Full PDB file with SEQRES, HELIX, SHEET, SSBOND, CRYST1, ORIGX, SCALE, CONECT and MASTER records, all heavy atoms in Angstrom:
SEQRES   1 A   35  SER VAL GLU LEU LEU ALA GLU TYR VAL ALA ILE LEU SER          
SEQRES   2 A   35  ARG HIS ASP ASN ILE SER SER SER VAL HIS ASN PHE ARG          
SEQRES   3 A   35  PHE LEU ALA PRO PHE GLY SER ALA THR                          
HELIX    1 AA1 VAL A    2  LEU A   12  1                                  11    
HELIX    2 AA2 SER A   20  ASN A   24  5                                   5    
CRYST1    1.000    1.000    1.000  90.00  90.00  90.00 P 1           1          
ORIGX1      1.000000  0.000000  0.000000        0.00000                         
ORIGX2      0.000000  1.000000  0.000000        0.00000                         
ORIGX3      0.000000  0.000000  1.000000        0.00000                         
SCALE1      1.000000  0.000000  0.000000        0.00000                         
SCALE2      0.000000  1.000000  0.000000        0.00000                         
SCALE3      0.000000  0.000000  1.000000        0.00000                         
ATOM      1  N   SER A   1       0.805  -1.228   0.029  1.00  0.00           N  
ATOM      2  CA  SER A   1       0.013   0.009   0.016  1.00  0.00           C  
ATOM      3  C   SER A   1       0.849   1.243   0.025  1.00  0.00           C  
ATOM      4  O   SER A   1       0.532   2.278  -0.609  1.00  0.00           O  
ATOM      5  CB  SER A   1      -0.938  -0.016   1.200  1.00  0.00           C  
ATOM      6  OG  SER A   1      -0.185  -0.064   2.419  1.00  0.00           O  
ATOM      7  N   VAL A   2       2.020   1.197   0.659  1.00  0.00           N  
ATOM      8  CA  VAL A   2       2.921   2.380   0.675  1.00  0.00           C  
ATOM      9  C   VAL A   2       3.460   2.638  -0.703  1.00  0.00           C  
ATOM     10  O   VAL A   2       3.512   3.793  -1.162  1.00  0.00           O  
ATOM     11  CB  VAL A   2       4.064   2.142   1.687  1.00  0.00           C  
ATOM     12  CG1 VAL A   2       5.057   3.307   1.606  1.00  0.00           C  
ATOM     13  CG2 VAL A   2       3.540   1.977   3.085  1.00  0.00           C  
ATOM     14  N   GLU A   3       3.766   1.579  -1.499  1.00  0.00           N  
ATOM     15  CA  GLU A   3       4.302   1.764  -2.842  1.00  0.00           C  
ATOM     16  C   GLU A   3       3.198   2.294  -3.759  1.00  0.00           C  
ATOM     17  O   GLU A   3       3.444   3.090  -4.681  1.00  0.00           O  
ATOM     18  CB  GLU A   3       4.835   0.420  -3.343  1.00  0.00           C  
ATOM     19  CG  GLU A   3       6.144  -0.038  -2.694  1.00  0.00           C  
ATOM     20  CD  GLU A   3       6.520  -1.416  -3.050  1.00  0.00           C  
ATOM     21  OE1 GLU A   3       5.678  -2.228  -3.467  1.00  0.00           O  
ATOM     22  OE2 GLU A   3       7.750  -1.771  -2.851  1.00  0.00           O  
ATOM     23  N   LEU A   4       1.984   1.797  -3.560  1.00  0.00           N  
ATOM     24  CA  LEU A   4       0.849   2.296  -4.361  1.00  0.00           C  
ATOM     25  C   LEU A   4       0.564   3.781  -4.048  1.00  0.00           C  
ATOM     26  O   LEU A   4       0.338   4.586  -4.982  1.00  0.00           O  
ATOM     27  CB  LEU A   4      -0.402   1.507  -4.057  1.00  0.00           C  
ATOM     28  CG  LEU A   4      -0.402   0.052  -4.540  1.00  0.00           C  
ATOM     29  CD1 LEU A   4      -1.580  -0.707  -4.003  1.00  0.00           C  
ATOM     30  CD2 LEU A   4      -0.410  -0.009  -6.068  1.00  0.00           C  
ATOM     31  N   LEU A   5       0.661   4.140  -2.773  1.00  0.00           N  
ATOM     32  CA  LEU A   5       0.456   5.576  -2.437  1.00  0.00           C  
ATOM     33  C   LEU A   5       1.582   6.418  -3.007  1.00  0.00           C  
ATOM     34  O   LEU A   5       1.350   7.564  -3.433  1.00  0.00           O  
ATOM     35  CB  LEU A   5       0.430   5.720  -0.872  1.00  0.00           C  
ATOM     36  CG  LEU A   5      -0.858   5.209  -0.221  1.00  0.00           C  
ATOM     37  CD1 LEU A   5      -0.675   5.209   1.321  1.00  0.00           C  
ATOM     38  CD2 LEU A   5      -2.051   6.007  -0.628  1.00  0.00           C  
ATOM     39  N   ALA A   6       2.812   5.864  -3.059  1.00  0.00           N  
ATOM     40  CA  ALA A   6       3.889   6.581  -3.640  1.00  0.00           C  
ATOM     41  C   ALA A   6       3.692   6.846  -5.102  1.00  0.00           C  
ATOM     42  O   ALA A   6       4.051   7.930  -5.643  1.00  0.00           O  
ATOM     43  CB  ALA A   6       5.210   5.815  -3.456  1.00  0.00           C  
ATOM     44  N   GLU A   7       3.006   5.893  -5.790  1.00  0.00           N  
ATOM     45  CA  GLU A   7       2.710   6.150  -7.194  1.00  0.00           C  
ATOM     46  C   GLU A   7       1.652   7.273  -7.338  1.00  0.00           C  
ATOM     47  O   GLU A   7       1.755   8.073  -8.277  1.00  0.00           O  
ATOM     48  CB  GLU A   7       2.144   4.849  -7.793  1.00  0.00           C  
ATOM     49  CG  GLU A   7       1.926   4.914  -9.306  1.00  0.00           C  
ATOM     50  CD  GLU A   7       3.152   5.072 -10.108  1.00  0.00           C  
ATOM     51  OE1 GLU A   7       4.235   4.799  -9.600  1.00  0.00           O  
ATOM     52  OE2 GLU A   7       3.036   5.412 -11.289  1.00  0.00           O  
ATOM     53  N   TYR A   8       0.677   7.304  -6.442  1.00  0.00           N  
ATOM     54  CA  TYR A   8      -0.280   8.447  -6.502  1.00  0.00           C  
ATOM     55  C   TYR A   8       0.391   9.758  -6.206  1.00  0.00           C  
ATOM     56  O   TYR A   8       0.111  10.808  -6.829  1.00  0.00           O  
ATOM     57  CB  TYR A   8      -1.415   8.184  -5.481  1.00  0.00           C  
ATOM     58  CG  TYR A   8      -2.433   7.252  -5.893  1.00  0.00           C  
ATOM     59  CD1 TYR A   8      -2.483   5.955  -5.347  1.00  0.00           C  
ATOM     60  CD2 TYR A   8      -3.377   7.586  -6.831  1.00  0.00           C  
ATOM     61  CE1 TYR A   8      -3.510   5.027  -5.767  1.00  0.00           C  
ATOM     62  CE2 TYR A   8      -4.357   6.665  -7.247  1.00  0.00           C  
ATOM     63  CZ  TYR A   8      -4.429   5.426  -6.732  1.00  0.00           C  
ATOM     64  OH  TYR A   8      -5.367   4.551  -7.127  1.00  0.00           O  
ATOM     65  N   VAL A   9       1.341   9.761  -5.306  1.00  0.00           N  
ATOM     66  CA  VAL A   9       2.072  10.996  -4.987  1.00  0.00           C  
ATOM     67  C   VAL A   9       2.941  11.408  -6.204  1.00  0.00           C  
ATOM     68  O   VAL A   9       2.957  12.616  -6.548  1.00  0.00           O  
ATOM     69  CB  VAL A   9       3.046  10.774  -3.828  1.00  0.00           C  
ATOM     70  CG1 VAL A   9       4.007  11.970  -3.644  1.00  0.00           C  
ATOM     71  CG2 VAL A   9       2.226  10.533  -2.520  1.00  0.00           C  
ATOM     72  N   ALA A  10       3.476  10.466  -6.959  1.00  0.00           N  
ATOM     73  CA  ALA A  10       4.232  10.769  -8.178  1.00  0.00           C  
ATOM     74  C   ALA A  10       3.307  11.396  -9.224  1.00  0.00           C  
ATOM     75  O   ALA A  10       3.731  12.384  -9.949  1.00  0.00           O  
ATOM     76  CB  ALA A  10       4.868   9.546  -8.757  1.00  0.00           C  
ATOM     77  N   ILE A  11       2.032  10.927  -9.283  1.00  0.00           N  
ATOM     78  CA  ILE A  11       1.104  11.514 -10.245  1.00  0.00           C  
ATOM     79  C   ILE A  11       0.677  12.897  -9.845  1.00  0.00           C  
ATOM     80  O   ILE A  11       0.734  13.841 -10.635  1.00  0.00           O  
ATOM     81  CB  ILE A  11      -0.155  10.574 -10.355  1.00  0.00           C  
ATOM     82  CG1 ILE A  11       0.260   9.206 -10.988  1.00  0.00           C  
ATOM     83  CG2 ILE A  11      -1.228  11.233 -11.212  1.00  0.00           C  
ATOM     84  CD1 ILE A  11      -0.849   8.211 -10.905  1.00  0.00           C  
ATOM     85  N   LEU A  12       0.280  13.062  -8.599  1.00  0.00           N  
ATOM     86  CA  LEU A  12      -0.214  14.351  -8.126  1.00  0.00           C  
ATOM     87  C   LEU A  12       0.862  15.439  -7.996  1.00  0.00           C  
ATOM     88  O   LEU A  12       0.548  16.630  -7.949  1.00  0.00           O  
ATOM     89  CB  LEU A  12      -0.951  14.187  -6.806  1.00  0.00           C  
ATOM     90  CG  LEU A  12      -2.277  13.294  -6.878  1.00  0.00           C  
ATOM     91  CD1 LEU A  12      -2.791  13.050  -5.437  1.00  0.00           C  
ATOM     92  CD2 LEU A  12      -3.310  14.024  -7.691  1.00  0.00           C  
ATOM     93  N   SER A  13       2.102  15.000  -7.839  1.00  0.00           N  
ATOM     94  CA  SER A  13       3.185  15.950  -7.774  1.00  0.00           C  
ATOM     95  C   SER A  13       3.871  16.184  -9.158  1.00  0.00           C  
ATOM     96  O   SER A  13       4.804  16.887  -9.241  1.00  0.00           O  
ATOM     97  CB  SER A  13       4.270  15.495  -6.793  1.00  0.00           C  
ATOM     98  OG  SER A  13       4.830  14.266  -7.225  1.00  0.00           O  
ATOM     99  N   ARG A  14       3.306  15.522 -10.161  1.00  0.00           N  
ATOM    100  CA  ARG A  14       3.838  15.637 -11.537  1.00  0.00           C  
ATOM    101  C   ARG A  14       5.306  15.344 -11.542  1.00  0.00           C  
ATOM    102  O   ARG A  14       6.101  16.156 -12.061  1.00  0.00           O  
ATOM    103  CB  ARG A  14       3.519  17.048 -12.134  1.00  0.00           C  
ATOM    104  CG  ARG A  14       2.025  17.359 -12.191  1.00  0.00           C  
ATOM    105  CD  ARG A  14       1.732  18.527 -13.030  1.00  0.00           C  
ATOM    106  NE  ARG A  14       0.318  18.792 -13.158  1.00  0.00           N  
ATOM    107  CZ  ARG A  14      -0.241  19.688 -13.991  1.00  0.00           C  
ATOM    108  NH1 ARG A  14       0.568  20.311 -14.807  1.00  0.00           N  
ATOM    109  NH2 ARG A  14      -1.548  19.834 -14.042  1.00  0.00           N  
ATOM    110  N   HIS A  15       5.644  14.203 -11.053  1.00  0.00           N  
ATOM    111  CA  HIS A  15       7.056  13.794 -10.920  1.00  0.00           C  
ATOM    112  C   HIS A  15       7.776  13.703 -12.223  1.00  0.00           C  
ATOM    113  O   HIS A  15       9.015  13.936 -12.281  1.00  0.00           O  
ATOM    114  CB  HIS A  15       7.129  12.472 -10.103  1.00  0.00           C  
ATOM    115  CG  HIS A  15       8.482  12.074  -9.692  1.00  0.00           C  
ATOM    116  ND1 HIS A  15       9.373  11.396 -10.525  1.00  0.00           N  
ATOM    117  CD2 HIS A  15       9.145  12.291  -8.543  1.00  0.00           C  
ATOM    118  CE1 HIS A  15      10.526  11.195  -9.908  1.00  0.00           C  
ATOM    119  NE2 HIS A  15      10.391  11.706  -8.723  1.00  0.00           N  
ATOM    120  N   ASP A  16       7.016  13.381 -13.277  1.00  0.00           N  
ATOM    121  CA  ASP A  16       7.673  13.245 -14.563  1.00  0.00           C  
ATOM    122  C   ASP A  16       7.871  14.542 -15.363  1.00  0.00           C  
ATOM    123  O   ASP A  16       8.458  14.570 -16.413  1.00  0.00           O  
ATOM    124  CB  ASP A  16       6.869  12.264 -15.476  1.00  0.00           C  
ATOM    125  CG  ASP A  16       5.454  12.717 -15.626  1.00  0.00           C  
ATOM    126  OD1 ASP A  16       5.016  13.578 -14.831  1.00  0.00           O  
ATOM    127  OD2 ASP A  16       4.776  12.235 -16.547  1.00  0.00           O  
ATOM    128  N   ASN A  17       7.397  15.628 -14.791  1.00  0.00           N  
ATOM    129  CA  ASN A  17       7.509  16.969 -15.418  1.00  0.00           C  
ATOM    130  C   ASN A  17       8.744  17.667 -14.797  1.00  0.00           C  
ATOM    131  O   ASN A  17       8.771  17.959 -13.607  1.00  0.00           O  
ATOM    132  CB  ASN A  17       6.230  17.751 -15.186  1.00  0.00           C  
ATOM    133  CG  ASN A  17       6.191  19.055 -15.989  1.00  0.00           C  
ATOM    134  OD1 ASN A  17       7.206  19.508 -16.451  1.00  0.00           O  
ATOM    135  ND2 ASN A  17       5.033  19.570 -16.231  1.00  0.00           N  
ATOM    136  N   ILE A  18       9.724  17.941 -15.631  1.00  0.00           N  
ATOM    137  CA  ILE A  18      10.972  18.561 -15.149  1.00  0.00           C  
ATOM    138  C   ILE A  18      10.998  20.037 -15.404  1.00  0.00           C  
ATOM    139  O   ILE A  18      12.013  20.682 -15.087  1.00  0.00           O  
ATOM    140  CB  ILE A  18      12.198  17.881 -15.764  1.00  0.00           C  
ATOM    141  CG1 ILE A  18      12.195  18.058 -17.298  1.00  0.00           C  
ATOM    142  CG2 ILE A  18      12.271  16.408 -15.380  1.00  0.00           C  
ATOM    143  CD1 ILE A  18      13.408  17.545 -17.963  1.00  0.00           C  
ATOM    144  N   SER A  19       9.929  20.650 -15.923  1.00  0.00           N  
ATOM    145  CA  SER A  19       9.951  22.105 -16.208  1.00  0.00           C  
ATOM    146  C   SER A  19       9.818  22.888 -14.939  1.00  0.00           C  
ATOM    147  O   SER A  19       9.334  22.380 -13.913  1.00  0.00           O  
ATOM    148  CB  SER A  19       8.819  22.433 -17.168  1.00  0.00           C  
ATOM    149  OG  SER A  19       7.595  22.192 -16.514  1.00  0.00           O  
ATOM    150  N   SER A  20      10.287  24.119 -14.960  1.00  0.00           N  
ATOM    151  CA  SER A  20      10.259  24.941 -13.757  1.00  0.00           C  
ATOM    152  C   SER A  20       8.858  25.376 -13.399  1.00  0.00           C  
ATOM    153  O   SER A  20       8.579  25.723 -12.262  1.00  0.00           O  
ATOM    154  CB  SER A  20      11.125  26.218 -14.019  1.00  0.00           C  
ATOM    155  OG  SER A  20      10.635  26.947 -15.137  1.00  0.00           O  
ATOM    156  N   SER A  21       7.924  25.364 -14.348  1.00  0.00           N  
ATOM    157  CA  SER A  21       6.573  25.792 -14.099  1.00  0.00           C  
ATOM    158  C   SER A  21       5.748  24.770 -13.330  1.00  0.00           C  
ATOM    159  O   SER A  21       4.642  25.048 -12.905  1.00  0.00           O  
ATOM    160  CB  SER A  21       5.845  26.130 -15.442  1.00  0.00           C  
ATOM    161  OG  SER A  21       5.778  24.952 -16.234  1.00  0.00           O  
ATOM    162  N   VAL A  22       6.300  23.540 -13.131  1.00  0.00           N  
ATOM    163  CA  VAL A  22       5.524  22.559 -12.468  1.00  0.00           C  
ATOM    164  C   VAL A  22       5.237  22.895 -11.008  1.00  0.00           C  
ATOM    165  O   VAL A  22       4.273  22.459 -10.428  1.00  0.00           O  
ATOM    166  CB  VAL A  22       6.279  21.185 -12.524  1.00  0.00           C  
ATOM    167  CG1 VAL A  22       7.540  21.230 -11.629  1.00  0.00           C  
ATOM    168  CG2 VAL A  22       5.395  20.003 -12.051  1.00  0.00           C  
ATOM    169  N   HIS A  23       6.095  23.795 -10.407  1.00  0.00           N  
ATOM    170  CA  HIS A  23       5.901  24.191  -9.040  1.00  0.00           C  
ATOM    171  C   HIS A  23       4.577  24.946  -8.858  1.00  0.00           C  
ATOM    172  O   HIS A  23       4.069  24.979  -7.737  1.00  0.00           O  
ATOM    173  CB  HIS A  23       7.032  25.043  -8.565  1.00  0.00           C  
ATOM    174  CG  HIS A  23       8.369  24.306  -8.605  1.00  0.00           C  
ATOM    175  ND1 HIS A  23       8.739  23.392  -7.611  1.00  0.00           N  
ATOM    176  CD2 HIS A  23       9.396  24.347  -9.474  1.00  0.00           C  
ATOM    177  CE1 HIS A  23       9.957  22.976  -7.892  1.00  0.00           C  
ATOM    178  NE2 HIS A  23      10.377  23.482  -9.028  1.00  0.00           N  
ATOM    179  N   ASN A  24       4.087  25.524  -9.942  1.00  0.00           N  
ATOM    180  CA  ASN A  24       2.830  26.290  -9.851  1.00  0.00           C  
ATOM    181  C   ASN A  24       1.571  25.465 -10.101  1.00  0.00           C  
ATOM    182  O   ASN A  24       0.458  26.000  -9.956  1.00  0.00           O  
ATOM    183  CB  ASN A  24       2.868  27.432 -10.829  1.00  0.00           C  
ATOM    184  CG  ASN A  24       4.052  28.388 -10.573  1.00  0.00           C  
ATOM    185  OD1 ASN A  24       4.391  28.647  -9.440  1.00  0.00           O  
ATOM    186  ND2 ASN A  24       4.646  28.916 -11.628  1.00  0.00           N  
ATOM    187  N   PHE A  25       1.709  24.255 -10.511  1.00  0.00           N  
ATOM    188  CA  PHE A  25       0.586  23.385 -10.875  1.00  0.00           C  
ATOM    189  C   PHE A  25       0.447  22.111 -10.102  1.00  0.00           C  
ATOM    190  O   PHE A  25      -0.605  21.509 -10.131  1.00  0.00           O  
ATOM    191  CB  PHE A  25       0.657  23.068 -12.419  1.00  0.00           C  
ATOM    192  CG  PHE A  25       0.605  24.286 -13.265  1.00  0.00           C  
ATOM    193  CD1 PHE A  25       1.781  24.811 -13.841  1.00  0.00           C  
ATOM    194  CD2 PHE A  25      -0.586  24.920 -13.565  1.00  0.00           C  
ATOM    195  CE1 PHE A  25       1.720  25.922 -14.667  1.00  0.00           C  
ATOM    196  CE2 PHE A  25      -0.656  26.033 -14.385  1.00  0.00           C  
ATOM    197  CZ  PHE A  25       0.504  26.560 -14.910  1.00  0.00           C  
ATOM    198  N   ARG A  26       1.485  21.647  -9.478  1.00  0.00           N  
ATOM    199  CA  ARG A  26       1.399  20.371  -8.750  1.00  0.00           C  
ATOM    200  C   ARG A  26       0.543  20.496  -7.497  1.00  0.00           C  
ATOM    201  O   ARG A  26       0.549  21.486  -6.867  1.00  0.00           O  
ATOM    202  CB  ARG A  26       2.816  19.882  -8.418  1.00  0.00           C  
ATOM    203  CG  ARG A  26       3.562  20.787  -7.449  1.00  0.00           C  
ATOM    204  CD  ARG A  26       5.011  20.343  -7.299  1.00  0.00           C  
ATOM    205  NE  ARG A  26       5.714  21.195  -6.365  1.00  0.00           N  
ATOM    206  CZ  ARG A  26       7.032  21.102  -6.107  1.00  0.00           C  
ATOM    207  NH1 ARG A  26       7.768  20.188  -6.776  1.00  0.00           N  
ATOM    208  NH2 ARG A  26       7.630  21.896  -5.226  1.00  0.00           N  
ATOM    209  N   PHE A  27      -0.154  19.387  -7.206  1.00  0.00           N  
ATOM    210  CA  PHE A  27      -0.991  19.363  -5.966  1.00  0.00           C  
ATOM    211  C   PHE A  27      -0.179  18.911  -4.772  1.00  0.00           C  
ATOM    212  O   PHE A  27      -0.608  19.325  -3.652  1.00  0.00           O  
ATOM    213  CB  PHE A  27      -2.127  18.360  -6.169  1.00  0.00           C  
ATOM    214  CG  PHE A  27      -3.218  18.796  -7.158  1.00  0.00           C  
ATOM    215  CD1 PHE A  27      -3.083  20.057  -7.784  1.00  0.00           C  
ATOM    216  CD2 PHE A  27      -4.357  18.082  -7.362  1.00  0.00           C  
ATOM    217  CE1 PHE A  27      -4.065  20.467  -8.654  1.00  0.00           C  
ATOM    218  CE2 PHE A  27      -5.322  18.534  -8.183  1.00  0.00           C  
ATOM    219  CZ  PHE A  27      -5.213  19.750  -8.847  1.00  0.00           C  
ATOM    220  N   LEU A  28       0.857  18.169  -4.905  1.00  0.00           N  
ATOM    221  CA  LEU A  28       1.746  17.746  -3.802  1.00  0.00           C  
ATOM    222  C   LEU A  28       3.159  18.136  -4.116  1.00  0.00           C  
ATOM    223  O   LEU A  28       3.535  18.287  -5.257  1.00  0.00           O  
ATOM    224  CB  LEU A  28       1.637  16.220  -3.668  1.00  0.00           C  
ATOM    225  CG  LEU A  28       0.253  15.574  -3.484  1.00  0.00           C  
ATOM    226  CD1 LEU A  28       0.370  14.085  -3.404  1.00  0.00           C  
ATOM    227  CD2 LEU A  28      -0.429  16.094  -2.251  1.00  0.00           C  
ATOM    228  N   ALA A  29       3.970  18.278  -3.061  1.00  0.00           N  
ATOM    229  CA  ALA A  29       5.338  18.606  -3.146  1.00  0.00           C  
ATOM    230  C   ALA A  29       6.171  17.732  -2.225  1.00  0.00           C  
ATOM    231  O   ALA A  29       5.722  17.465  -1.137  1.00  0.00           O  
ATOM    232  CB  ALA A  29       5.611  20.118  -2.825  1.00  0.00           C  
ATOM    233  N   PRO A  30       7.365  17.263  -2.673  1.00  0.00           N  
ATOM    234  CA  PRO A  30       8.129  16.408  -1.801  1.00  0.00           C  
ATOM    235  C   PRO A  30       8.629  17.189  -0.548  1.00  0.00           C  
ATOM    236  O   PRO A  30       8.866  18.387  -0.589  1.00  0.00           O  
ATOM    237  CB  PRO A  30       9.314  15.961  -2.701  1.00  0.00           C  
ATOM    238  CG  PRO A  30       9.367  17.056  -3.759  1.00  0.00           C  
ATOM    239  CD  PRO A  30       7.943  17.491  -3.941  1.00  0.00           C  
ATOM    240  N   PHE A  31       8.855  16.429   0.532  1.00  0.00           N  
ATOM    241  CA  PHE A  31       9.337  17.022   1.753  1.00  0.00           C  
ATOM    242  C   PHE A  31      10.434  16.097   2.356  1.00  0.00           C  
ATOM    243  O   PHE A  31      10.202  14.896   2.570  1.00  0.00           O  
ATOM    244  CB  PHE A  31       8.235  17.219   2.794  1.00  0.00           C  
ATOM    245  CG  PHE A  31       8.670  17.890   4.027  1.00  0.00           C  
ATOM    246  CD1 PHE A  31       8.645  19.262   4.163  1.00  0.00           C  
ATOM    247  CD2 PHE A  31       9.067  17.147   5.129  1.00  0.00           C  
ATOM    248  CE1 PHE A  31       9.075  19.914   5.314  1.00  0.00           C  
ATOM    249  CE2 PHE A  31       9.453  17.777   6.265  1.00  0.00           C  
ATOM    250  CZ  PHE A  31       9.478  19.157   6.389  1.00  0.00           C  
ATOM    251  N   GLY A  32      11.637  16.607   2.508  1.00  0.00           N  
ATOM    252  CA  GLY A  32      12.700  15.812   3.024  1.00  0.00           C  
ATOM    253  C   GLY A  32      13.512  15.121   1.980  1.00  0.00           C  
ATOM    254  O   GLY A  32      13.207  15.179   0.735  1.00  0.00           O  
ATOM    255  N   SER A  33      14.525  14.488   2.358  1.00  0.00           N  
ATOM    256  CA  SER A  33      15.480  13.854   1.406  1.00  0.00           C  
ATOM    257  C   SER A  33      15.251  12.305   1.224  1.00  0.00           C  
ATOM    258  O   SER A  33      15.801  11.754   0.302  1.00  0.00           O  
ATOM    259  CB  SER A  33      16.905  14.096   1.769  1.00  0.00           C  
ATOM    260  OG  SER A  33      17.156  13.632   3.148  1.00  0.00           O  
ATOM    261  N   ALA A  34      14.512  11.685   2.179  1.00  0.00           N  
ATOM    262  CA  ALA A  34      14.324  10.255   2.065  1.00  0.00           C  
ATOM    263  C   ALA A  34      13.385   9.918   0.920  1.00  0.00           C  
ATOM    264  O   ALA A  34      12.366  10.587   0.740  1.00  0.00           O  
ATOM    265  CB  ALA A  34      13.743   9.746   3.388  1.00  0.00           C  
ATOM    266  N   THR A  35      13.726   8.887   0.130  1.00  0.00           N  
ATOM    267  CA  THR A  35      12.915   8.545  -1.012  1.00  0.00           C  
ATOM    268  C   THR A  35      12.705   7.003  -1.018  1.00  0.00           C  
ATOM    269  O   THR A  35      13.367   6.251  -0.320  1.00  0.00           O  
ATOM    270  CB  THR A  35      13.662   8.934  -2.305  1.00  0.00           C  
ATOM    271  OG1 THR A  35      14.876   8.255  -2.405  1.00  0.00           O  
ATOM    272  CG2 THR A  35      13.792  10.463  -2.422  1.00  0.00           C  
TER     273      THR A  35                                                      
MASTER        0    0    0    2    0    0    0    6  272    1    0    3          
END                                                                             
């Protein structure tokens, strides 16, 4: 379930988008250095 939730976090944080404008559109943002 943690891995599935991590996939949802990747979607809602637009993890695959590397543009600088993603910070203005993502619903979630990473916190901390642990991955």
